[in-house]
C-alpha atoms as a PDB file:
ATOM      1  CA  MET A   1      69.105  61.478 -95.556  1.00  0.00           C
ATOM      2  CA  LYS A   2      67.748  59.591 -98.531  1.00  0.00           C
ATOM      3  CA  ARG A   3      69.075  56.368 -97.028  1.00  0.00           C
ATOM      4  CA  ILE A   4      67.363  56.976 -93.620  1.00  0.00           C
ATOM      5  CA  LYS A   5      64.042  57.673 -95.387  1.00  0.00           C
ATOM      6  CA  SER A   6      64.220  54.436 -97.383  1.00  0.00           C
ATOM      7  CA  LEU A   7      65.187  52.499 -94.197  1.00  0.00           C
ATOM      8  CA  ALA A   8      62.188  53.976 -92.362  1.00  0.00           C
ATOM      9  CA  ILE A   9      59.818  53.135 -95.300  1.00  0.00           C
ATOM     10  CA  ALA A  10      61.192  49.565 -95.451  1.00  0.00           C
ATOM     11  CA  CYS A  11      60.678  49.159 -91.638  1.00  0.00           C
ATOM     12  CA  MET A  12      57.065  50.497 -91.804  1.00  0.00           C
ATOM     13  CA  ALA A  13      56.252  48.212 -94.730  1.00  0.00           C
ATOM     14  CA  THR A  14      57.680  45.220 -92.845  1.00  0.00           C
ATOM     15  CA  MET A  15      55.715  46.153 -89.663  1.00  0.00           C
ATOM     16  CA  LEU A  16      52.467  46.554 -91.656  1.00  0.00           C
ATOM     17  CA  ALA A  17      52.939  43.147 -93.268  1.00  0.00           C
ATOM     18  CA  LEU A  18      53.654  41.466 -89.946  1.00  0.00           C
ATOM     19  CA  THR A  19      50.715  43.051 -88.116  1.00  0.00           C
ATOM     20  CA  SER A  20      48.198  42.360 -90.841  1.00  0.00           C
ATOM     21  CA  GLY A  21      49.235  38.688 -90.695  1.00  0.00           C
ATOM     22  CA  CYS A  22      48.652  38.618 -86.946  1.00  0.00           C
ATOM     23  CA  GLU A  23      45.145  40.100 -87.307  1.00  0.00           C
ATOM     24  CA  LYS A  24      44.043  37.405 -89.677  1.00  0.00           C
ATOM     25  CA  ASN A  25      45.139  34.746 -87.243  1.00  0.00           C
ATOM     26  CA  SER A  26      43.952  36.353 -84.015  1.00  0.00           C
ATOM     27  CA  THR A  27      40.202  36.794 -84.571  1.00  0.00           C
ATOM     28  CA  ALA A  28      37.520  34.290 -85.455  1.00  0.00           C
ATOM     29  CA  LYS A  29      35.923  34.713 -88.860  1.00  0.00           C
ATOM     30  CA  PRO A  30      32.374  36.076 -88.732  1.00  0.00           C
ATOM     31  CA  ASP A  31      30.874  32.871 -90.161  1.00  0.00           C
ATOM     32  CA  THR A  32      32.598  30.557 -87.594  1.00  0.00           C
ATOM     33  CA  PRO A  33      31.345  29.985 -84.004  1.00  0.00           C
ATOM     34  CA  ALA A  34      33.054  31.996 -81.300  1.00  0.00           C
ATOM     35  CA  GLN A  35      36.177  30.414 -79.881  1.00  0.00           C
ATOM     36  CA  GLU A  36      35.703  28.704 -76.540  1.00  0.00           C
ATOM     37  CA  LYS A  37      37.574  29.973 -73.496  1.00  0.00           C
ATOM     38  CA  PRO A  38      40.207  27.556 -72.329  1.00  0.00           C
ATOM     39  CA  ALA A  39      39.145  25.735 -69.143  1.00  0.00           C
ATOM     40  CA  GLU A  40      40.567  27.107 -65.965  1.00  0.00           C
ATOM     41  CA  LEU A  41      43.336  24.982 -64.483  1.00  0.00           C
ATOM     42  CA  SER A  42      42.969  23.430 -60.991  1.00  0.00           C
ATOM     43  CA  GLU A  43      45.442  24.238 -58.287  1.00  0.00           C
ATOM     44  CA  ALA A  44      47.031  20.857 -58.809  1.00  0.00           C
ATOM     45  CA  GLU A  45      47.404  21.426 -62.589  1.00  0.00           C
ATOM     46  CA  ILE A  46      49.009  24.828 -62.022  1.00  0.00           C
ATOM     47  CA  LEU A  47      51.315  23.301 -59.450  1.00  0.00           C
ATOM     48  CA  GLN A  48      52.232  20.441 -61.772  1.00  0.00           C
ATOM     49  CA  GLN A  49      53.317  23.082 -64.433  1.00  0.00           C
ATOM     50  CA  LYS A  50      55.463  24.712 -61.809  1.00  0.00           C
ATOM     51  CA  VAL A  51      56.767  21.343 -60.674  1.00  0.00           C
ATOM     52  CA  ASP A  52      57.694  20.537 -64.274  1.00  0.00           C
ATOM     53  CA  ALA A  53      59.629  23.830 -64.361  1.00  0.00           C
ATOM     54  CA  GLY A  54      61.557  22.839 -61.229  1.00  0.00           C
ATOM     55  CA  ASP A  55      59.871  25.222 -58.727  1.00  0.00           C
ATOM     56  CA  ALA A  56      60.901  23.815 -55.310  1.00  0.00           C
ATOM     57  CA  GLU A  57      58.047  25.433 -53.409  1.00  0.00           C
ATOM     58  CA  ALA A  58      55.513  24.044 -55.850  1.00  0.00           C
ATOM     59  CA  ILE A  59      57.081  20.559 -55.552  1.00  0.00           C
ATOM     60  CA  CYS A  60      56.569  20.809 -51.799  1.00  0.00           C
ATOM     61  CA  ARG A  61      53.008  22.081 -52.089  1.00  0.00           C
ATOM     62  CA  LEU A  62      52.010  19.320 -54.557  1.00  0.00           C
ATOM     63  CA  GLY A  63      53.550  16.760 -52.245  1.00  0.00           C
ATOM     64  CA  SER A  64      51.542  18.103 -49.376  1.00  0.00           C
ATOM     65  CA  LEU A  65      48.331  17.967 -51.406  1.00  0.00           C
ATOM     66  CA  LEU A  66      48.990  14.424 -52.371  1.00  0.00           C
ATOM     67  CA  LEU A  67      49.609  13.519 -48.724  1.00  0.00           C
ATOM     68  CA  ILE A  68      46.277  14.942 -47.607  1.00  0.00           C
ATOM     69  CA  GLY A  69      44.291  14.306 -50.750  1.00  0.00           C
ATOM     70  CA  GLU A  70      43.290  17.875 -51.209  1.00  0.00           C
ATOM     71  CA  GLY A  71      42.273  18.668 -54.813  1.00  0.00           C
ATOM     72  CA  VAL A  72      43.941  15.402 -55.914  1.00  0.00           C
ATOM     73  CA  ASP A  73      43.671  11.767 -55.168  1.00  0.00           C
ATOM     74  CA  LYS A  74      45.486  10.926 -51.952  1.00  0.00           C
ATOM     75  CA  ASN A  75      48.739   9.214 -52.693  1.00  0.00           C
ATOM     76  CA  LEU A  76      51.149   8.878 -49.753  1.00  0.00           C
ATOM     77  CA  GLU A  77      53.941   7.285 -51.811  1.00  0.00           C
ATOM     78  CA  GLN A  78      53.957   9.956 -54.483  1.00  0.00           C
ATOM     79  CA  GLY A  79      53.407  12.685 -51.935  1.00  0.00           C
ATOM     80  CA  MET A  80      56.492  11.677 -50.009  1.00  0.00           C
ATOM     81  CA  GLN A  81      58.518  11.477 -53.233  1.00  0.00           C
ATOM     82  CA  TYR A  82      57.655  15.117 -53.948  1.00  0.00           C
ATOM     83  CA  ILE A  83      58.360  16.088 -50.296  1.00  0.00           C
ATOM     84  CA  ARG A  84      61.716  14.372 -50.368  1.00  0.00           C
ATOM     85  CA  GLU A  85      62.565  16.177 -53.696  1.00  0.00           C
ATOM     86  CA  ALA A  86      61.604  19.529 -52.182  1.00  0.00           C
ATOM     87  CA  ALA A  87      63.557  18.792 -49.052  1.00  0.00           C
ATOM     88  CA  GLU A  88      66.657  17.971 -51.082  1.00  0.00           C
ATOM     89  CA  LEU A  89      66.102  21.354 -52.883  1.00  0.00           C
ATOM     90  CA  GLY A  90      66.283  23.108 -49.471  1.00  0.00           C
ATOM     91  CA  VAL A  91      62.649  23.832 -48.751  1.00  0.00           C
ATOM     92  CA  PRO A  92      62.397  24.105 -44.926  1.00  0.00           C
ATOM     93  CA  PHE A  93      58.884  22.825 -44.608  1.00  0.00           C
ATOM     94  CA  ALA A  94      59.751  19.725 -46.673  1.00  0.00           C
ATOM     95  CA  GLN A  95      62.829  19.175 -44.544  1.00  0.00           C
ATOM     96  CA  PHE A  96      60.565  19.434 -41.467  1.00  0.00           C
ATOM     97  CA  ALA A  97      58.159  16.918 -42.999  1.00  0.00           C
ATOM     98  CA  MET A  98      60.970  14.480 -43.832  1.00  0.00           C
ATOM     99  CA  GLY A  99      62.426  14.861 -40.298  1.00  0.00           C
ATOM    100  CA  SER A 100      58.949  14.133 -38.803  1.00  0.00           C
ATOM    101  CA  ALA A 101      58.389  11.183 -41.128  1.00  0.00           C
ATOM    102  CA  TYR A 102      61.651   9.606 -40.204  1.00  0.00           C
ATOM    103  CA  MET A 103      60.924  10.162 -36.515  1.00  0.00           C
ATOM    104  CA  GLY A 104      57.640   8.280 -36.843  1.00  0.00           C
ATOM    105  CA  VAL A 105      55.173  11.086 -36.654  1.00  0.00           C
ATOM    106  CA  THR A 106      51.801  10.125 -38.064  1.00  0.00           C
ATOM    107  CA  TYR A 107      49.565  12.308 -40.025  1.00  0.00           C
ATOM    108  CA  GLU A 108      45.819  12.013 -39.247  1.00  0.00           C
ATOM    109  CA  GLY A 109      46.481   8.589 -37.768  1.00  0.00           C
ATOM    110  CA  GLU A 110      48.390   7.401 -40.837  1.00  0.00           C
ATOM    111  CA  THR A 111      52.038   6.455 -40.795  1.00  0.00           C
ATOM    112  CA  LEU A 112      53.867   8.055 -43.685  1.00  0.00           C
ATOM    113  CA  PRO A 113      55.676   5.724 -46.111  1.00  0.00           C
ATOM    114  CA  CYS A 114      59.086   6.203 -44.613  1.00  0.00           C
ATOM    115  CA  GLU A 115      61.160   3.924 -42.397  1.00  0.00           C
ATOM    116  CA  ILE A 116      61.710   5.065 -38.773  1.00  0.00           C
ATOM    117  CA  ASP A 117      65.271   6.335 -38.545  1.00  0.00           C
ATOM    118  CA  ILE A 118      65.712   8.886 -35.726  1.00  0.00           C
ATOM    119  CA  GLU A 119      69.175   9.912 -36.857  1.00  0.00           C
ATOM    120  CA  LYS A 120      67.971  10.824 -40.359  1.00  0.00           C
ATOM    121  CA  GLY A 121      64.980  12.590 -38.792  1.00  0.00           C
ATOM    122  CA  VAL A 122      67.266  14.713 -36.631  1.00  0.00           C
ATOM    123  CA  ASP A 123      69.485  15.526 -39.669  1.00  0.00           C
ATOM    124  CA  TRP A 124      66.420  16.726 -41.711  1.00  0.00           C
ATOM    125  CA  HIS A 125      65.075  18.704 -38.797  1.00  0.00           C
ATOM    126  CA  LYS A 126      68.499  20.349 -38.282  1.00  0.00           C
ATOM    127  CA  LYS A 127      68.500  21.411 -41.989  1.00  0.00           C
ATOM    128  CA  ALA A 128      65.151  23.144 -41.555  1.00  0.00           C
ATOM    129  CA  ALA A 129      65.950  24.478 -38.019  1.00  0.00           C
ATOM    130  CA  GLU A 130      69.186  26.016 -39.213  1.00  0.00           C
ATOM    131  CA  GLN A 131      67.124  27.992 -41.767  1.00  0.00           C
ATOM    132  CA  GLY A 132      64.975  29.306 -38.943  1.00  0.00           C
ATOM    133  CA  PHE A 133      62.086  26.887 -39.306  1.00  0.00           C
ATOM    134  CA  GLU A 134      60.524  27.125 -35.910  1.00  0.00           C
ATOM    135  CA  ALA A 135      58.636  23.790 -35.973  1.00  0.00           C
ATOM    136  CA  SER A 136      61.892  21.914 -36.556  1.00  0.00           C
ATOM    137  CA  GLN A 137      63.596  23.910 -33.772  1.00  0.00           C
ATOM    138  CA  VAL A 138      60.826  22.825 -31.431  1.00  0.00           C
ATOM    139  CA  ALA A 139      60.967  19.199 -32.639  1.00  0.00           C
ATOM    140  CA  LEU A 140      64.733  19.093 -32.011  1.00  0.00           C
ATOM    141  CA  ALA A 141      64.358  20.712 -28.569  1.00  0.00           C
ATOM    142  CA  LYS A 142      61.750  18.104 -27.582  1.00  0.00           C
ATOM    143  CA  HIS A 143      63.867  15.329 -29.028  1.00  0.00           C
ATOM    144  CA  TYR A 144      66.974  16.338 -27.018  1.00  0.00           C
ATOM    145  CA  MET A 145      64.870  16.960 -23.943  1.00  0.00           C
ATOM    146  CA  GLU A 146      63.517  13.399 -24.080  1.00  0.00           C
ATOM    147  CA  LEU A 147      67.062  12.064 -24.401  1.00  0.00           C
ATOM    148  CA  LEU A 148      68.125  14.288 -21.520  1.00  0.00           C
ATOM    149  CA  ILE A 149      65.367  12.748 -19.285  1.00  0.00           C
ATOM    150  CA  GLU A 150      66.868   9.353 -20.071  1.00  0.00           C
ATOM    151  CA  ASP A 151      70.410  10.470 -19.595  1.00  0.00           C
ATOM    152  CA  LYS A 152      70.369  13.169 -16.972  1.00  0.00           C
ATOM    153  CA  GLY A 153      73.423  15.380 -16.708  1.00  0.00           C
ATOM    154  CA  ASN A 154      74.790  14.617 -20.210  1.00  0.00           C
ATOM    155  CA  PRO A 155      76.421  17.966 -21.108  1.00  0.00           C
ATOM    156  CA  GLU A 156      76.078  17.490 -24.883  1.00  0.00           C
ATOM    157  CA  LEU A 157      72.362  16.859 -24.519  1.00  0.00           C
ATOM    158  CA  ILE A 158      71.977  19.831 -22.221  1.00  0.00           C
ATOM    159  CA  ILE A 159      73.633  22.063 -24.812  1.00  0.00           C
ATOM    160  CA  GLN A 160      71.566  20.700 -27.739  1.00  0.00           C
ATOM    161  CA  THR A 161      68.334  21.083 -25.770  1.00  0.00           C
ATOM    162  CA  TYR A 162      69.243  24.665 -24.731  1.00  0.00           C
ATOM    163  CA  THR A 163      70.297  25.554 -28.314  1.00  0.00           C
ATOM    164  CA  TRP A 164      67.053  24.594 -29.884  1.00  0.00           C
ATOM    165  CA  VAL A 165      64.755  25.724 -27.024  1.00  0.00           C
ATOM    166  CA  SER A 166      66.546  29.070 -27.161  1.00  0.00           C
ATOM    167  CA  LYS A 167      66.225  29.468 -30.933  1.00  0.00           C
ATOM    168  CA  ALA A 168      62.561  28.620 -30.913  1.00  0.00           C
ATOM    169  CA  ALA A 169      61.958  30.967 -27.929  1.00  0.00           C
ATOM    170  CA  HIS A 170      63.609  33.785 -29.730  1.00  0.00           C
ATOM    171  CA  GLN A 171      61.037  33.291 -32.536  1.00  0.00           C
ATOM    172  CA  GLY A 172      58.251  33.620 -29.946  1.00  0.00           C
ATOM    173  CA  ASN A 173      57.312  29.966 -29.622  1.00  0.00           C
ATOM    174  CA  ASP A 174      55.184  29.747 -26.417  1.00  0.00           C
ATOM    175  CA  TRP A 175      56.285  26.268 -25.360  1.00  0.00           C
ATOM    176  CA  ALA A 176      59.983  27.143 -25.848  1.00  0.00           C
ATOM    177  CA  MET A 177      59.538  30.444 -23.920  1.00  0.00           C
ATOM    178  CA  GLU A 178      58.120  28.454 -21.080  1.00  0.00           C
ATOM    179  CA  MET A 179      60.914  25.872 -21.187  1.00  0.00           C
ATOM    180  CA  LEU A 180      63.846  28.264 -21.535  1.00  0.00           C
ATOM    181  CA  PRO A 181      64.149  29.144 -17.816  1.00  0.00           C
ATOM    182  CA  ALA A 182      64.031  25.465 -16.890  1.00  0.00           C
ATOM    183  CA  ILE A 183      66.786  24.409 -19.263  1.00  0.00           C
ATOM    184  CA  THR A 184      68.830  27.447 -18.269  1.00  0.00           C
ATOM    185  CA  GLN A 185      68.547  26.339 -14.636  1.00  0.00           C
ATOM    186  CA  VAL A 186      69.585  22.733 -15.571  1.00  0.00           C
ATOM    187  CA  MET A 187      72.658  24.236 -17.265  1.00  0.00           C
ATOM    188  CA  LYS A 188      73.574  26.164 -14.044  1.00  0.00           C
ATOM    189  CA  LEU A 189      72.954  23.147 -11.827  1.00  0.00           C
ATOM    190  CA  GLU A 190      75.048  20.818 -14.047  1.00  0.00           C
ATOM    191  CA  GLY A 191      77.786  23.463 -14.518  1.00  0.00           C
ATOM    192  CA  VAL A 192      77.353  23.399 -18.306  1.00  0.00           C
ATOM    193  CA  SER A 193      78.186  26.531 -20.332  1.00  0.00           C
ATOM    194  CA  LEU A 194      78.109  27.175 -24.034  1.00  0.00           C
END
C-alpha cells in the first residue's frame, strides 16, 4: 500500500511539473502585445498541404484548379501533371479528364497540353467507367457509336456501344436511356448477342 501511495505522489508531482511548464509557454505575458492569429489558408494552400501528404482527391482538385485558374494562377502544364498523378492513383474524375484530354476534348476553347492519342484516351475512360464514372461511360458509348457509324455491322463495336450505353442508362443518364432502345434494336437486326 505504501508503494502505491508513493507512486501516486510521484505521478502527481510529475503531472504538476509538466502542466506548469505548459502554462508558462501557452499564454502571452501581460506586458507583451497579444499574439496575432495565424492567417487563414486559401483553398489552394490547404489543398497543397493535402497534396504533400499524398491525398489523391486533393491532387485531382488542385490539378483542376490549376487548369481553370480558380484561386491560383492558371497553369495548364502543372494542372495536367496533377491530374495525371491523381489518375494514376485511381481517381475516376482524373481518369475521365485524362481520357478526354487524350481524345482531344478542349476546355473553354483551349486544348489541354496532351498529345491526341485515342487509344490512350479510351484506356483512361475505361478505368473511370469501370469504377462507375458515368461521364466516362457516356464518352465511351459515344466513341464506339461513332466507330459503329463508320463500320456498320461490326459485332465488337455493337457490343462495346451497347455495354457502355447500358451502364450509363442504368445510372440514369438521359442520353443513354434514349439511346438504349436504338442500340438494342441494332443488336437484334445484326444478330449480335452478349
